[in-house]
Every structure is written in C-alpha cells, then in structure tokens.
Amino acid sequence: MTVASSWKIDVERMKTIDHIDKKLLEVMEVILSTFSLKELLLFRYSPIDHLAEGIFSITDGEIRNITSIRDDVKTIPAIYEAIDEQCPKYFEGINYHLKFPRKYIVSQNNNSLFVLPVLFNQVVIGYFLGTKFKTPFKEQMLFDAKVFSQTIGELFVKHQSFDEKNSIKLSKREYEVMKCLAVGNSSKEISSLLAISETTIKQYIKSVMEKTNTSNRTHAVAFLYQQGILK
C-alpha cells in the first residue's frame, strides 16, 4: 500500500472524530508514524502578519500545550522558506544550523528539521515541525509529504465547527472594517477611511471575533480568508 492510499484511509477514519483537539492529535500520531519521528510540534499560522502560534507538541508519547510560543516566521528562515514555497522541507547539518535559530534548538543532539506546511485553498494555515527522527530521513519522504499538505488542511477546515461558521454573516460595516484590517490599516487609519470612531471600530472587530470564535484580530482576518468571506 502506498503512503497516499494509506493516508486516505486515515483521513476517512479521522473525519468521524467530532472533537477538534482529538482530531489534531490523531493527525499528529499519523505523521509521527509515517515519517518515523520522535517529536512533532503543531503551529497555526497567519499569512497576514506571518505570526505563528503554538498549539500542541508530542515527544515520546507526552503531549504538551505550547500556546505560549508566538513568533514572526520571517525570523526563522527554515520555516518561512517552506511556507513561502508552500512545500515540505527537510534541513540537516550546516543547513539546519544556518536556517534554524539557536534559541529553538532544545537538544545539542538535534541536527535536522522537517517542516510540513498545512494548506487550504492555496493558503498556508499552519505547519508541523519534526526535529527528532527514529530512522534517517529519506528524500522520498518529501514527495510523500506533499500528498499530506492539502489533505490535512481540508480535514481541519471541514471539521463540523468550521462548517457551522461558513454560515457566518458579517454586517456591511463589519466586512468593511475587516477588509481594511486585512490590507494592513491600523484602527486610526480605518477611522479616517470609514469616518467612524476608533471605539466603534474596536466594537466591530470584537463582534467579528465572537462570530468566528477567534482569539485576536489577526486570527479573525486569517479565518475569514480561509472561509472565503474575505476575498
């Protein structure tokens, strides 16, 4: 059985899982097994400001919450390269040390890095990092990893909780405010453009965050793009 066909079977099984956190962990277990990894970290990613936020990590069967990790991906060449090219990447030796900042190297024994972007509608919405391997990484694994990227994104976005949010309706003003945010305008600039107060703008943003169940304005904009509400 090929990796692609095996993965399709796993996807069908995971579609029946209702709890999103459990589904995420199931996906991570499959990736750990498929790519012979000892450790795997999952991050969400915003294409608006290149901000990455940690979600979970699994190391030797131990699950940890890594939501305290927040970084500008542009400062991490190895990860940004994979996201920019929308393609899985593997780095080892001198390439690993040049493109992966020392502050992220937990163990001196680490000498390699696997980056697996998560794609949905041609947009990277997250990524997995693998830094410890049970067996040597093979070039064929990069080809196999490409099969995963789009499928993983669809699996998460088409989770029931996301489907329910497809019915989200923004008011005209909410849409205008979020569109301005998406192109990089500050609250002050939006206030001038739309002739409404900054306080009102913040209320619109808060309303959209509540409708989309997102944690901040950047997350809300990224979510609206992913759902096709902002175009």
C-alpha atoms as a PDB file:
ATOM      1  CA  MET A   1       0.000   0.000   0.000  1.00  0.00           C
ATOM      2  CA  THR A   2       1.342   3.461  -0.920  1.00  0.00           C
ATOM      3  CA  VAL A   3       1.647   6.322   1.566  1.00  0.00           C
ATOM      4  CA  ALA A   4      -1.084   8.215  -0.311  1.00  0.00           C
ATOM      5  CA  SER A   5      -3.591   5.363  -0.158  1.00  0.00           C
ATOM      6  CA  SER A   6      -2.765   4.674   3.488  1.00  0.00           C
ATOM      7  CA  TRP A   7      -3.259   8.347   4.326  1.00  0.00           C
ATOM      8  CA  LYS A   8      -6.670   8.381   2.584  1.00  0.00           C
ATOM      9  CA  ILE A   9      -7.803   5.582   4.867  1.00  0.00           C
ATOM     10  CA  ASP A  10      -6.613   7.525   7.921  1.00  0.00           C
ATOM     11  CA  VAL A  11      -8.404  10.672   6.707  1.00  0.00           C
ATOM     12  CA  GLU A  12     -11.698   8.845   6.312  1.00  0.00           C
ATOM     13  CA  ARG A  13     -11.337   7.492   9.835  1.00  0.00           C
ATOM     14  CA  MET A  14     -10.497  10.908  11.287  1.00  0.00           C
ATOM     15  CA  LYS A  15     -13.491  12.552   9.596  1.00  0.00           C
ATOM     16  CA  THR A  16     -15.678  10.715  12.106  1.00  0.00           C
ATOM     17  CA  ILE A  17     -13.933  12.354  15.100  1.00  0.00           C
ATOM     18  CA  ASP A  18     -16.044  15.219  16.455  1.00  0.00           C
ATOM     19  CA  HIS A  19     -13.615  16.868  18.884  1.00  0.00           C
ATOM     20  CA  ILE A  20     -11.121  19.092  17.040  1.00  0.00           C
ATOM     21  CA  ASP A  21      -8.307  18.675  19.608  1.00  0.00           C
ATOM     22  CA  LYS A  22      -8.616  14.903  19.409  1.00  0.00           C
ATOM     23  CA  LYS A  23      -8.578  15.118  15.617  1.00  0.00           C
ATOM     24  CA  LEU A  24      -5.397  17.241  15.711  1.00  0.00           C
ATOM     25  CA  LEU A  25      -3.680  14.722  17.963  1.00  0.00           C
ATOM     26  CA  GLU A  26      -4.759  11.826  15.714  1.00  0.00           C
ATOM     27  CA  VAL A  27      -3.230  13.598  12.706  1.00  0.00           C
ATOM     28  CA  MET A  28      -0.016  14.155  14.650  1.00  0.00           C
ATOM     29  CA  GLU A  29       0.182  10.477  15.581  1.00  0.00           C
ATOM     30  CA  VAL A  30      -0.166   9.508  11.909  1.00  0.00           C
ATOM     31  CA  ILE A  31       2.597  11.955  10.885  1.00  0.00           C
ATOM     32  CA  LEU A  32       4.876  10.687  13.684  1.00  0.00           C
ATOM     33  CA  SER A  33       4.424   7.143  12.432  1.00  0.00           C
ATOM     34  CA  THR A  34       4.621   7.907   8.688  1.00  0.00           C
ATOM     35  CA  PHE A  35       7.819   9.952   8.897  1.00  0.00           C
ATOM     36  CA  SER A  36       9.415   7.981  11.734  1.00  0.00           C
ATOM     37  CA  LEU A  37       9.519  10.956  14.112  1.00  0.00           C
ATOM     38  CA  LYS A  38      10.067  11.012  17.868  1.00  0.00           C
ATOM     39  CA  GLU A  39       8.881  14.589  18.254  1.00  0.00           C
ATOM     40  CA  LEU A  40       6.296  16.739  16.452  1.00  0.00           C
ATOM     41  CA  LEU A  41       5.053  20.289  17.053  1.00  0.00           C
ATOM     42  CA  LEU A  42       1.934  21.898  15.567  1.00  0.00           C
ATOM     43  CA  PHE A  43       1.531  25.639  14.912  1.00  0.00           C
ATOM     44  CA  ARG A  44      -1.242  27.784  13.452  1.00  0.00           C
ATOM     45  CA  TYR A  45      -0.061  30.458  11.024  1.00  0.00           C
ATOM     46  CA  SER A  46      -1.435  33.813   9.871  1.00  0.00           C
ATOM     47  CA  PRO A  47      -0.463  34.897   6.338  1.00  0.00           C
ATOM     48  CA  ILE A  48      -1.454  38.472   7.243  1.00  0.00           C
ATOM     49  CA  ASP A  49       1.412  39.240   9.624  1.00  0.00           C
ATOM     50  CA  HIS A  50       3.387  35.957   9.402  1.00  0.00           C
ATOM     51  CA  LEU A  51       2.620  35.221  13.055  1.00  0.00           C
ATOM     52  CA  ALA A  52       2.893  31.621  14.233  1.00  0.00           C
ATOM     53  CA  GLU A  53       1.241  30.370  17.433  1.00  0.00           C
ATOM     54  CA  GLY A  54       1.962  27.016  19.051  1.00  0.00           C
ATOM     55  CA  ILE A  55      -0.852  24.511  19.660  1.00  0.00           C
ATOM     56  CA  PHE A  56       0.462  21.073  20.708  1.00  0.00           C
ATOM     57  CA  SER A  57       3.677  19.084  20.792  1.00  0.00           C
ATOM     58  CA  ILE A  58       4.158  15.342  21.144  1.00  0.00           C
ATOM     59  CA  THR A  59       7.505  13.956  22.350  1.00  0.00           C
ATOM     60  CA  ASP A  60       7.907  10.265  23.173  1.00  0.00           C
ATOM     61  CA  GLY A  61       4.167   9.965  23.740  1.00  0.00           C
ATOM     62  CA  GLU A  62       3.966  13.023  26.006  1.00  0.00           C
ATOM     63  CA  ILE A  63       1.514  15.728  24.900  1.00  0.00           C
ATOM     64  CA  ARG A  64       2.248  19.347  25.818  1.00  0.00           C
ATOM     65  CA  ASN A  65       0.364  22.579  25.241  1.00  0.00           C
ATOM     66  CA  ILE A  66       2.687  25.087  23.526  1.00  0.00           C
ATOM     67  CA  THR A  67       0.333  28.056  23.190  1.00  0.00           C
ATOM     68  CA  SER A  68       2.922  30.288  24.879  1.00  0.00           C
ATOM     69  CA  ILE A  69       5.081  30.127  21.723  1.00  0.00           C
ATOM     70  CA  ARG A  70       4.443  33.048  19.360  1.00  0.00           C
ATOM     71  CA  ASP A  71       6.880  34.102  16.649  1.00  0.00           C
ATOM     72  CA  ASP A  72       7.293  36.098  13.468  1.00  0.00           C
ATOM     73  CA  VAL A  73       8.012  33.327  10.977  1.00  0.00           C
ATOM     74  CA  LYS A  74      10.062  35.693   8.818  1.00  0.00           C
ATOM     75  CA  THR A  75      12.736  35.499  11.525  1.00  0.00           C
ATOM     76  CA  ILE A  76      13.005  31.717  11.083  1.00  0.00           C
ATOM     77  CA  PRO A  77      14.392  31.073   7.555  1.00  0.00           C
ATOM     78  CA  ALA A  78      13.786  27.327   7.511  1.00  0.00           C
ATOM     79  CA  ILE A  79      10.089  27.657   8.326  1.00  0.00           C
ATOM     80  CA  TYR A  80       9.494  30.741   6.196  1.00  0.00           C
ATOM     81  CA  GLU A  81      11.057  29.024   3.177  1.00  0.00           C
ATOM     82  CA  ALA A  82       8.648  26.091   3.465  1.00  0.00           C
ATOM     83  CA  ILE A  83       5.662  28.434   3.902  1.00  0.00           C
ATOM     84  CA  ASP A  84       6.699  30.788   1.095  1.00  0.00           C
ATOM     85  CA  GLU A  85       7.138  27.892  -1.344  1.00  0.00           C
ATOM     86  CA  GLN A  86       4.115  26.021   0.115  1.00  0.00           C
ATOM     87  CA  CYS A  87       6.202  22.881   0.104  1.00  0.00           C
ATOM     88  CA  PRO A  88       7.560  20.480   2.771  1.00  0.00           C
ATOM     89  CA  LYS A  89      11.243  20.975   3.563  1.00  0.00           C
ATOM     90  CA  TYR A  90      13.988  18.992   5.258  1.00  0.00           C
ATOM     91  CA  PHE A  91      17.183  20.536   6.631  1.00  0.00           C
ATOM     92  CA  GLU A  92      20.205  18.865   8.189  1.00  0.00           C
ATOM     93  CA  GLY A  93      23.784  19.588   9.157  1.00  0.00           C
ATOM     94  CA  ILE A  94      25.067  23.070   8.360  1.00  0.00           C
ATOM     95  CA  ASN A  95      21.809  23.979   6.579  1.00  0.00           C
ATOM     96  CA  TYR A  96      19.884  23.209   9.766  1.00  0.00           C
ATOM     97  CA  HIS A  97      22.120  25.382  11.937  1.00  0.00           C
ATOM     98  CA  LEU A  98      22.145  28.273   9.465  1.00  0.00           C
ATOM     99  CA  LYS A  99      18.380  28.372   8.930  1.00  0.00           C
ATOM    100  CA  PHE A 100      17.042  27.423  12.362  1.00  0.00           C
ATOM    101  CA  PRO A 101      17.863  29.923  15.177  1.00  0.00           C
ATOM    102  CA  ARG A 102      19.802  28.540  18.148  1.00  0.00           C
ATOM    103  CA  LYS A 103      17.096  29.552  20.635  1.00  0.00           C
ATOM    104  CA  TYR A 104      14.849  26.845  19.134  1.00  0.00           C
ATOM    105  CA  ILE A 105      17.442  24.094  19.420  1.00  0.00           C
ATOM    106  CA  VAL A 106      16.483  22.357  22.657  1.00  0.00           C
ATOM    107  CA  SER A 107      18.924  19.467  22.426  1.00  0.00           C
ATOM    108  CA  GLN A 108      22.522  19.665  21.259  1.00  0.00           C
ATOM    109  CA  ASN A 109      21.907  16.284  19.624  1.00  0.00           C
ATOM    110  CA  ASN A 110      19.394  17.834  17.211  1.00  0.00           C
ATOM    111  CA  ASN A 111      20.881  18.182  13.755  1.00  0.00           C
ATOM    112  CA  SER A 112      17.865  18.132  11.448  1.00  0.00           C
ATOM    113  CA  LEU A 113      14.430  19.661  10.881  1.00  0.00           C
ATOM    114  CA  PHE A 114      11.318  18.631   8.947  1.00  0.00           C
ATOM    115  CA  VAL A 115       8.761  21.342   8.086  1.00  0.00           C
ATOM    116  CA  LEU A 116       5.306  20.303   6.823  1.00  0.00           C
ATOM    117  CA  PRO A 117       3.020  23.233   5.841  1.00  0.00           C
ATOM    118  CA  VAL A 118      -0.755  22.817   6.158  1.00  0.00           C
ATOM    119  CA  LEU A 119      -2.562  24.185   3.090  1.00  0.00           C
ATOM    120  CA  PHE A 120      -6.156  25.157   2.421  1.00  0.00           C
ATOM    121  CA  ASN A 121      -7.295  26.924  -0.774  1.00  0.00           C
ATOM    122  CA  GLN A 122      -3.677  27.696  -1.697  1.00  0.00           C
ATOM    123  CA  VAL A 123      -3.090  29.390   1.678  1.00  0.00           C
ATOM    124  CA  VAL A 124      -0.827  28.088   4.460  1.00  0.00           C
ATOM    125  CA  ILE A 125      -2.882  27.992   7.678  1.00  0.00           C
ATOM    126  CA  GLY A 126      -0.391  26.134   9.886  1.00  0.00           C
ATOM    127  CA  TYR A 127       2.592  23.831   9.928  1.00  0.00           C
ATOM    128  CA  PHE A 128       4.160  20.842  11.676  1.00  0.00           C
ATOM    129  CA  LEU A 129       7.777  20.691  12.837  1.00  0.00           C
ATOM    130  CA  GLY A 130       9.696  17.459  13.360  1.00  0.00           C
ATOM    131  CA  THR A 131      13.135  17.602  14.967  1.00  0.00           C
ATOM    132  CA  LYS A 132      13.870  14.111  16.254  1.00  0.00           C
ATOM    133  CA  PHE A 133      13.871  11.056  14.000  1.00  0.00           C
ATOM    134  CA  LYS A 134      13.777   7.340  14.775  1.00  0.00           C
ATOM    135  CA  THR A 135      15.370   6.472  11.426  1.00  0.00           C
ATOM    136  CA  PRO A 136      17.278   8.539   8.812  1.00  0.00           C
ATOM    137  CA  PHE A 137      15.076  10.848   6.731  1.00  0.00           C
ATOM    138  CA  LYS A 138      14.813   9.838   3.071  1.00  0.00           C
ATOM    139  CA  GLU A 139      14.248  12.164   0.102  1.00  0.00           C
ATOM    140  CA  GLN A 140      11.199  10.107  -0.896  1.00  0.00           C
ATOM    141  CA  MET A 141       9.527  11.296   2.299  1.00  0.00           C
ATOM    142  CA  LEU A 142       9.397  14.862   0.937  1.00  0.00           C
ATOM    143  CA  PHE A 143       7.426  13.637  -2.055  1.00  0.00           C
ATOM    144  CA  ASP A 144       5.068  11.741   0.242  1.00  0.00           C
ATOM    145  CA  ALA A 145       4.710  14.815   2.475  1.00  0.00           C
ATOM    146  CA  LYS A 146       3.312  16.834  -0.450  1.00  0.00           C
ATOM    147  CA  VAL A 147       0.369  14.439  -0.516  1.00  0.00           C
ATOM    148  CA  PHE A 148      -0.442  15.390   3.059  1.00  0.00           C
ATOM    149  CA  SER A 149      -0.382  19.200   2.966  1.00  0.00           C
ATOM    150  CA  GLN A 150      -3.677  19.921   1.172  1.00  0.00           C
ATOM    151  CA  THR A 151      -5.483  16.941   2.671  1.00  0.00           C
ATOM    152  CA  ILE A 152      -4.637  17.956   6.227  1.00  0.00           C
ATOM    153  CA  GLY A 153      -5.916  21.492   5.668  1.00  0.00           C
ATOM    154  CA  GLU A 154      -9.196  20.257   4.249  1.00  0.00           C
ATOM    155  CA  LEU A 155      -9.582  17.885   7.180  1.00  0.00           C
ATOM    156  CA  PHE A 156      -9.308  20.688   9.731  1.00  0.00           C
ATOM    157  CA  VAL A 157     -11.291  23.351   7.892  1.00  0.00           C
ATOM    158  CA  LYS A 158     -14.091  20.938   7.060  1.00  0.00           C
ATOM    159  CA  HIS A 159     -14.415  19.917  10.694  1.00  0.00           C
ATOM    160  CA  GLN A 160     -18.005  20.375  11.877  1.00  0.00           C
ATOM    161  CA  SER A 161     -17.186  23.503  13.889  1.00  0.00           C
ATOM    162  CA  PHE A 162     -15.752  25.122  10.759  1.00  0.00           C
ATOM    163  CA  ASP A 163     -18.728  24.102   8.640  1.00  0.00           C
ATOM    164  CA  GLU A 164     -21.047  25.826  11.073  1.00  0.00           C
ATOM    165  CA  LYS A 165     -19.006  29.010  10.709  1.00  0.00           C
ATOM    166  CA  ASN A 166     -19.480  29.006   6.937  1.00  0.00           C
ATOM    167  CA  SER A 167     -22.927  30.457   7.645  1.00  0.00           C
ATOM    168  CA  ILE A 168     -21.342  33.474   9.377  1.00  0.00           C
ATOM    169  CA  LYS A 169     -22.906  36.724   8.212  1.00  0.00           C
ATOM    170  CA  LEU A 170     -20.994  39.973   8.633  1.00  0.00           C
ATOM    171  CA  SER A 171     -22.725  43.314   8.531  1.00  0.00           C
ATOM    172  CA  LYS A 172     -21.630  45.753   5.828  1.00  0.00           C
ATOM    173  CA  ARG A 173     -19.595  47.751   8.344  1.00  0.00           C
ATOM    174  CA  GLU A 174     -18.008  44.627   9.888  1.00  0.00           C
ATOM    175  CA  TYR A 175     -16.951  43.496   6.429  1.00  0.00           C
ATOM    176  CA  GLU A 176     -15.504  46.923   5.589  1.00  0.00           C
ATOM    177  CA  VAL A 177     -13.539  47.082   8.837  1.00  0.00           C
ATOM    178  CA  MET A 178     -12.123  43.569   8.419  1.00  0.00           C
ATOM    179  CA  LYS A 179     -11.231  44.261   4.783  1.00  0.00           C
ATOM    180  CA  CYS A 180      -9.293  47.344   5.890  1.00  0.00           C
ATOM    181  CA  LEU A 181      -7.524  45.311   8.577  1.00  0.00           C
ATOM    182  CA  ALA A 182      -6.624  42.671   6.004  1.00  0.00           C
ATOM    183  CA  VAL A 183      -4.691  45.171   3.880  1.00  0.00           C
ATOM    184  CA  GLY A 184      -2.759  46.426   6.882  1.00  0.00           C
ATOM    185  CA  ASN A 185      -4.661  49.518   8.014  1.00  0.00           C
ATOM    186  CA  SER A 186      -4.498  50.479  11.699  1.00  0.00           C
ATOM    187  CA  SER A 187      -7.604  51.365  13.724  1.00  0.00           C
ATOM    188  CA  LYS A 188      -6.713  55.038  13.355  1.00  0.00           C
ATOM    189  CA  GLU A 189      -6.407  54.729   9.570  1.00  0.00           C
ATOM    190  CA  ILE A 190      -9.687  52.802   9.337  1.00  0.00           C
ATOM    191  CA  SER A 191     -11.358  55.514  11.416  1.00  0.00           C
ATOM    192  CA  SER A 192     -10.269  58.094   8.848  1.00  0.00           C
ATOM    193  CA  LEU A 193     -11.206  55.945   5.846  1.00  0.00           C
ATOM    194  CA  LEU A 194     -14.684  54.965   7.063  1.00  0.00           C
ATOM    195  CA  ALA A 195     -15.453  58.101   9.084  1.00  0.00           C
ATOM    196  CA  ILE A 196     -16.288  56.200  12.265  1.00  0.00           C
ATOM    197  CA  SER A 197     -14.667  56.335  15.697  1.00  0.00           C
ATOM    198  CA  GLU A 198     -11.862  54.013  16.804  1.00  0.00           C
ATOM    199  CA  THR A 199     -14.092  52.836  19.659  1.00  0.00           C
ATOM    200  CA  THR A 200     -16.762  51.765  17.178  1.00  0.00           C
ATOM    201  CA  ILE A 201     -14.148  50.029  15.050  1.00  0.00           C
ATOM    202  CA  LYS A 202     -12.984  48.030  18.082  1.00  0.00           C
ATOM    203  CA  GLN A 203     -16.601  47.035  18.740  1.00  0.00           C
ATOM    204  CA  TYR A 204     -16.969  45.782  15.159  1.00  0.00           C
ATOM    205  CA  ILE A 205     -13.751  43.767  15.459  1.00  0.00           C
ATOM    206  CA  LYS A 206     -14.867  42.296  18.786  1.00  0.00           C
ATOM    207  CA  SER A 207     -18.202  41.330  17.224  1.00  0.00           C
ATOM    208  CA  VAL A 208     -16.470  39.557  14.333  1.00  0.00           C
ATOM    209  CA  MET A 209     -14.136  37.725  16.727  1.00  0.00           C
ATOM    210  CA  GLU A 210     -17.167  36.486  18.662  1.00  0.00           C
ATOM    211  CA  LYS A 211     -18.923  35.359  15.473  1.00  0.00           C
ATOM    212  CA  THR A 212     -15.832  33.489  14.271  1.00  0.00           C
ATOM    213  CA  ASN A 213     -14.705  32.258  17.703  1.00  0.00           C
ATOM    214  CA  THR A 214     -11.214  33.630  17.055  1.00  0.00           C
ATOM    215  CA  SER A 215      -8.699  34.874  19.634  1.00  0.00           C
ATOM    216  CA  ASN A 216      -7.478  38.139  18.080  1.00  0.00           C
ATOM    217  CA  ARG A 217      -7.932  40.400  15.033  1.00  0.00           C
ATOM    218  CA  THR A 218      -5.147  38.681  13.062  1.00  0.00           C
ATOM    219  CA  HIS A 219      -6.661  35.258  13.688  1.00  0.00           C
ATOM    220  CA  ALA A 220     -10.085  36.612  12.656  1.00  0.00           C
ATOM    221  CA  VAL A 221      -8.792  38.034   9.357  1.00  0.00           C
ATOM    222  CA  ALA A 222      -6.967  34.782   8.530  1.00  0.00           C
ATOM    223  CA  PHE A 223     -10.082  32.770   9.340  1.00  0.00           C
ATOM    224  CA  LEU A 224     -12.296  34.964   7.133  1.00  0.00           C
ATOM    225  CA  TYR A 225      -9.865  34.465   4.239  1.00  0.00           C
ATOM    226  CA  GLN A 226      -9.807  30.719   4.796  1.00  0.00           C
ATOM    227  CA  GLN A 227     -13.614  30.604   4.724  1.00  0.00           C
ATOM    228  CA  GLY A 228     -13.823  32.706   1.562  1.00  0.00           C
ATOM    229  CA  ILE A 229     -15.702  35.507   3.353  1.00  0.00           C
ATOM    230  CA  LEU A 230     -12.896  37.952   2.637  1.00  0.00           C
ATOM    231  CA  LYS A 231     -11.581  37.824  -0.925  1.00  0.00           C
END
